[in-house]
Structures are given as C-alpha cells and as structure tokens.
Amino acid sequence: MKPTQYSEKVLDHFRNPRNVGTLAGEDVAIGRVGNPVCGDLMELYIKVKNNKIKDVKFRTFGCGSAIATASMVTELAKGKSIDEAIKITRKDVAD
C-alpha cells in the first residue's frame, strides 16, 4: 500500500460510516471539534447510562479520513465507560 492510499478498513468506514446522526435528551452530551487548517468539523453525541456509553453518534463535515476515523471511534467507544473511552488512542483506531 502506498503512503497516500487508504486501507480497506478506512475505505469501508468512509463508504459505509457507522453511527452517523445525532442524539437528543437530557442524558446526551455533545462535543465539537474543528481543524482550522483543513476545515474539518466533527460533532460527537454520547448517551450515557450507568457510567457506560449506551449510544454514540457523529456528524463529520470533512475529508474521507475524518469521516472514517469518526466512524471507527464510535464503534470503539460504544459500551465503554467514560474513563475507558477517554483512553482510546490513535493506535487503537489504527488497529
């Protein structure tokens, strides 16, 4: 694979992103982050119950790798405690 090519996993998450959308309610937290250099913007919505991430959704406006990364992060975070989710690393996403 050339350095500029995406892996099959990244392409799959870009073409078929998981957990796209929004959540609403008193038990939903929303985070927003953006990159002024490339213009990417991500919103992450988490619903927490009994200190576990019961549901997670995202909206990303940006490049394919940003969309794929957001999709992969939501899959990794779902079912974890807040403390566990905070510890998700770039390596976890890349694996």
N, C-alpha and C. Protein backbone atom coordinates (compact mmCIF):
# COMPACT_ATOMS: atom_id res chain seq x y z
N MET A 1 0.85 -1.18 0.00
CA MET A 1 0.00 0.00 0.00
C MET A 1 0.89 1.24 0.00
N LYS A 2 0.61 2.16 -0.87
CA LYS A 2 1.36 3.41 -0.93
C LYS A 2 0.96 4.29 0.25
N PRO A 3 1.88 5.15 0.74
CA PRO A 3 1.58 6.01 1.89
C PRO A 3 0.36 6.90 1.70
N THR A 4 0.03 7.24 0.47
CA THR A 4 -1.11 8.13 0.23
C THR A 4 -2.43 7.38 0.06
N GLN A 5 -2.38 6.05 0.06
CA GLN A 5 -3.60 5.26 -0.12
C GLN A 5 -4.19 4.91 1.24
N TYR A 6 -5.52 4.80 1.26
CA TYR A 6 -6.22 4.40 2.48
C TYR A 6 -6.33 2.88 2.53
N SER A 7 -6.34 2.34 3.76
CA SER A 7 -6.53 0.91 3.93
C SER A 7 -7.97 0.54 3.59
N GLU A 8 -8.23 -0.75 3.40
CA GLU A 8 -9.59 -1.21 3.13
C GLU A 8 -10.52 -0.88 4.29
N LYS A 9 -10.00 -0.96 5.52
CA LYS A 9 -10.81 -0.64 6.70
C LYS A 9 -11.26 0.82 6.66
N VAL A 10 -10.34 1.72 6.36
CA VAL A 10 -10.67 3.15 6.29
C VAL A 10 -11.66 3.40 5.16
N LEU A 11 -11.44 2.80 4.00
CA LEU A 11 -12.36 2.97 2.88
C LEU A 11 -13.75 2.46 3.22
N ASP A 12 -13.83 1.32 3.92
CA ASP A 12 -15.12 0.77 4.31
C ASP A 12 -15.86 1.73 5.25
N HIS A 13 -15.16 2.28 6.24
CA HIS A 13 -15.79 3.22 7.17
C HIS A 13 -16.15 4.54 6.49
N PHE A 14 -15.42 4.92 5.46
CA PHE A 14 -15.77 6.12 4.71
C PHE A 14 -17.01 5.88 3.85
N ARG A 15 -17.03 4.75 3.16
CA ARG A 15 -18.16 4.44 2.28
C ARG A 15 -19.41 4.04 3.04
N ASN A 16 -19.22 3.40 4.18
CA ASN A 16 -20.34 2.89 4.99
C ASN A 16 -20.16 3.31 6.45
N PRO A 17 -20.18 4.60 6.72
CA PRO A 17 -19.92 5.04 8.10
C PRO A 17 -20.97 4.51 9.06
N ARG A 18 -20.50 4.11 10.23
CA ARG A 18 -21.37 3.60 11.28
C ARG A 18 -21.73 4.73 12.23
N ASN A 19 -22.91 4.66 12.79
CA ASN A 19 -23.35 5.57 13.87
C ASN A 19 -23.44 7.03 13.44
N VAL A 20 -23.82 7.28 12.20
CA VAL A 20 -23.99 8.66 11.73
C VAL A 20 -25.32 9.20 12.25
N GLY A 21 -25.31 10.44 12.69
CA GLY A 21 -26.55 11.08 13.12
C GLY A 21 -26.35 11.89 14.38
N THR A 22 -27.46 12.18 15.04
CA THR A 22 -27.43 12.96 16.27
C THR A 22 -28.26 12.25 17.32
N LEU A 23 -28.08 12.65 18.56
CA LEU A 23 -28.88 12.17 19.69
C LEU A 23 -29.41 13.38 20.43
N ALA A 24 -30.53 13.21 21.09
CA ALA A 24 -31.11 14.29 21.88
C ALA A 24 -31.58 13.74 23.22
N GLY A 25 -31.68 14.61 24.20
CA GLY A 25 -32.18 14.22 25.51
C GLY A 25 -31.31 14.76 26.61
N GLU A 26 -31.83 14.67 27.83
CA GLU A 26 -31.11 15.19 28.99
C GLU A 26 -29.85 14.39 29.30
N ASP A 27 -29.81 13.14 28.87
CA ASP A 27 -28.66 12.29 29.16
C ASP A 27 -27.67 12.23 28.00
N VAL A 28 -27.72 13.22 27.12
CA VAL A 28 -26.83 13.27 25.96
C VAL A 28 -25.83 14.40 26.13
N ALA A 29 -24.57 14.09 25.88
CA ALA A 29 -23.51 15.10 25.88
C ALA A 29 -23.04 15.29 24.43
N ILE A 30 -22.68 16.52 24.10
CA ILE A 30 -22.26 16.84 22.73
C ILE A 30 -20.88 17.48 22.78
N GLY A 31 -19.99 16.99 21.93
CA GLY A 31 -18.67 17.59 21.79
C GLY A 31 -18.46 18.03 20.35
N ARG A 32 -17.78 19.13 20.17
CA ARG A 32 -17.49 19.63 18.83
C ARG A 32 -16.00 19.96 18.74
N VAL A 33 -15.42 19.61 17.61
CA VAL A 33 -14.01 19.92 17.39
C VAL A 33 -13.84 20.24 15.91
N GLY A 34 -12.93 21.14 15.63
CA GLY A 34 -12.66 21.51 14.24
C GLY A 34 -11.19 21.71 14.01
N ASN A 35 -10.80 21.65 12.75
CA ASN A 35 -9.43 21.87 12.35
C ASN A 35 -9.41 23.07 11.41
N PRO A 36 -8.93 24.22 11.89
CA PRO A 36 -8.94 25.42 11.04
C PRO A 36 -8.04 25.32 9.82
N VAL A 37 -7.06 24.42 9.85
CA VAL A 37 -6.14 24.28 8.72
C VAL A 37 -6.84 23.65 7.52
N CYS A 38 -7.55 22.53 7.76
CA CYS A 38 -8.19 21.83 6.63
C CYS A 38 -9.69 22.05 6.57
N GLY A 39 -10.29 22.61 7.62
CA GLY A 39 -11.71 22.90 7.60
C GLY A 39 -12.62 21.80 8.10
N ASP A 40 -12.06 20.68 8.56
CA ASP A 40 -12.88 19.59 9.08
C ASP A 40 -13.62 20.02 10.35
N LEU A 41 -14.82 19.51 10.52
CA LEU A 41 -15.61 19.76 11.72
C LEU A 41 -16.28 18.46 12.12
N MET A 42 -16.20 18.11 13.41
CA MET A 42 -16.84 16.90 13.90
C MET A 42 -17.67 17.22 15.12
N GLU A 43 -18.87 16.65 15.16
CA GLU A 43 -19.73 16.69 16.34
C GLU A 43 -19.91 15.26 16.81
N LEU A 44 -19.73 15.03 18.10
CA LEU A 44 -19.88 13.70 18.68
C LEU A 44 -20.95 13.78 19.76
N TYR A 45 -21.92 12.88 19.69
CA TYR A 45 -23.03 12.82 20.63
C TYR A 45 -22.94 11.51 21.40
N ILE A 46 -22.95 11.58 22.73
CA ILE A 46 -22.93 10.34 23.52
C ILE A 46 -24.10 10.34 24.51
N LYS A 47 -24.70 9.17 24.63
CA LYS A 47 -25.75 8.95 25.62
C LYS A 47 -25.17 8.01 26.66
N VAL A 48 -25.18 8.46 27.90
CA VAL A 48 -24.55 7.70 28.99
C VAL A 48 -25.62 7.20 29.95
N LYS A 49 -25.49 5.93 30.33
CA LYS A 49 -26.37 5.35 31.35
C LYS A 49 -25.52 4.44 32.22
N ASN A 50 -25.63 4.62 33.54
CA ASN A 50 -24.84 3.84 34.49
C ASN A 50 -23.35 3.90 34.17
N ASN A 51 -22.87 5.10 33.84
CA ASN A 51 -21.47 5.37 33.52
C ASN A 51 -20.95 4.60 32.30
N LYS A 52 -21.83 4.12 31.46
CA LYS A 52 -21.43 3.45 30.21
C LYS A 52 -22.01 4.23 29.03
N ILE A 53 -21.27 4.25 27.96
CA ILE A 53 -21.75 4.90 26.74
C ILE A 53 -22.75 3.95 26.10
N LYS A 54 -24.02 4.29 26.28
CA LYS A 54 -25.10 3.45 25.77
C LYS A 54 -25.26 3.60 24.26
N ASP A 55 -25.10 4.84 23.77
CA ASP A 55 -25.20 5.10 22.34
C ASP A 55 -24.26 6.24 21.99
N VAL A 56 -23.81 6.25 20.77
CA VAL A 56 -22.91 7.30 20.29
C VAL A 56 -23.17 7.53 18.81
N LYS A 57 -23.24 8.78 18.42
CA LYS A 57 -23.46 9.17 17.03
C LYS A 57 -22.49 10.29 16.68
N PHE A 58 -22.30 10.50 15.39
CA PHE A 58 -21.42 11.60 14.96
C PHE A 58 -21.93 12.23 13.68
N ARG A 59 -21.51 13.46 13.48
CA ARG A 59 -21.64 14.15 12.20
C ARG A 59 -20.27 14.76 11.92
N THR A 60 -19.73 14.43 10.78
CA THR A 60 -18.43 14.98 10.39
C THR A 60 -18.56 15.64 9.03
N PHE A 61 -18.05 16.84 8.95
CA PHE A 61 -18.00 17.58 7.70
C PHE A 61 -16.52 17.72 7.38
N GLY A 62 -16.04 16.89 6.46
CA GLY A 62 -14.62 16.93 6.16
C GLY A 62 -14.22 15.84 5.20
N CYS A 63 -12.95 15.54 5.20
CA CYS A 63 -12.38 14.58 4.27
C CYS A 63 -12.74 13.15 4.64
N GLY A 64 -12.44 12.24 3.73
CA GLY A 64 -12.75 10.83 3.94
C GLY A 64 -12.11 10.24 5.17
N SER A 65 -10.87 10.62 5.44
CA SER A 65 -10.21 10.06 6.62
C SER A 65 -10.85 10.56 7.91
N ALA A 66 -11.35 11.79 7.93
CA ALA A 66 -12.03 12.32 9.12
C ALA A 66 -13.34 11.59 9.35
N ILE A 67 -14.08 11.33 8.29
CA ILE A 67 -15.34 10.59 8.40
C ILE A 67 -15.08 9.17 8.88
N ALA A 68 -14.10 8.51 8.27
CA ALA A 68 -13.78 7.13 8.65
C ALA A 68 -13.30 7.05 10.10
N THR A 69 -12.47 7.98 10.51
CA THR A 69 -11.97 7.99 11.88
C THR A 69 -13.10 8.17 12.88
N ALA A 70 -14.01 9.09 12.60
CA ALA A 70 -15.14 9.30 13.49
C ALA A 70 -15.99 8.03 13.60
N SER A 71 -16.21 7.37 12.48
CA SER A 71 -16.97 6.13 12.48
C SER A 71 -16.29 5.06 13.33
N MET A 72 -14.98 4.92 13.16
CA MET A 72 -14.23 3.92 13.93
C MET A 72 -14.24 4.23 15.42
N VAL A 73 -14.10 5.50 15.77
CA VAL A 73 -14.11 5.89 17.18
C VAL A 73 -15.45 5.57 17.83
N THR A 74 -16.55 5.81 17.11
CA THR A 74 -17.86 5.50 17.71
C THR A 74 -17.99 4.01 17.99
N GLU A 75 -17.48 3.18 17.10
CA GLU A 75 -17.55 1.74 17.34
C GLU A 75 -16.71 1.34 18.55
N LEU A 76 -15.56 1.95 18.70
CA LEU A 76 -14.69 1.64 19.84
C LEU A 76 -15.28 2.13 21.16
N ALA A 77 -15.96 3.26 21.14
CA ALA A 77 -16.45 3.88 22.38
C ALA A 77 -17.74 3.25 22.91
N LYS A 78 -18.57 2.75 22.03
CA LYS A 78 -19.87 2.23 22.44
C LYS A 78 -19.70 1.08 23.44
N GLY A 79 -20.40 1.19 24.58
CA GLY A 79 -20.34 0.17 25.62
C GLY A 79 -19.25 0.39 26.66
N LYS A 80 -18.35 1.31 26.40
CA LYS A 80 -17.27 1.58 27.35
C LYS A 80 -17.72 2.60 28.39
N SER A 81 -17.00 2.61 29.51
CA SER A 81 -17.22 3.67 30.49
C SER A 81 -16.58 4.95 29.94
N ILE A 82 -16.92 6.07 30.55
CA ILE A 82 -16.31 7.34 30.12
C ILE A 82 -14.80 7.27 30.29
N ASP A 83 -14.34 6.73 31.42
CA ASP A 83 -12.90 6.62 31.66
C ASP A 83 -12.22 5.77 30.60
N GLU A 84 -12.85 4.67 30.20
CA GLU A 84 -12.28 3.81 29.16
C GLU A 84 -12.26 4.52 27.81
N ALA A 85 -13.34 5.20 27.49
CA ALA A 85 -13.44 5.87 26.18
C ALA A 85 -12.41 6.99 26.04
N ILE A 86 -12.17 7.70 27.13
CA ILE A 86 -11.18 8.79 27.09
C ILE A 86 -9.79 8.25 26.75
N LYS A 87 -9.55 7.00 27.07
CA LYS A 87 -8.23 6.40 26.85
C LYS A 87 -8.05 5.82 25.44
N ILE A 88 -9.06 5.93 24.58
CA ILE A 88 -8.92 5.45 23.21
C ILE A 88 -7.82 6.27 22.52
N THR A 89 -6.88 5.58 21.92
CA THR A 89 -5.73 6.24 21.31
C THR A 89 -5.78 6.17 19.78
N ARG A 90 -4.89 6.90 19.16
CA ARG A 90 -4.74 6.82 17.70
C ARG A 90 -4.39 5.40 17.28
N LYS A 91 -3.57 4.74 18.09
CA LYS A 91 -3.19 3.37 17.78
C LYS A 91 -4.39 2.44 17.83
N ASP A 92 -5.27 2.64 18.82
CA ASP A 92 -6.50 1.83 18.90
C ASP A 92 -7.31 1.97 17.62
N VAL A 93 -7.44 3.18 17.13
CA VAL A 93 -8.21 3.44 15.91
C VAL A 93 -7.50 2.81 14.71
N ALA A 94 -6.20 2.92 14.66
CA ALA A 94 -5.43 2.40 13.52
C ALA A 94 -5.43 0.88 13.46
N ASP A 95 -5.55 0.23 14.61
CA ASP A 95 -5.52 -1.25 14.63
C ASP A 95 -6.78 -1.77 14.10
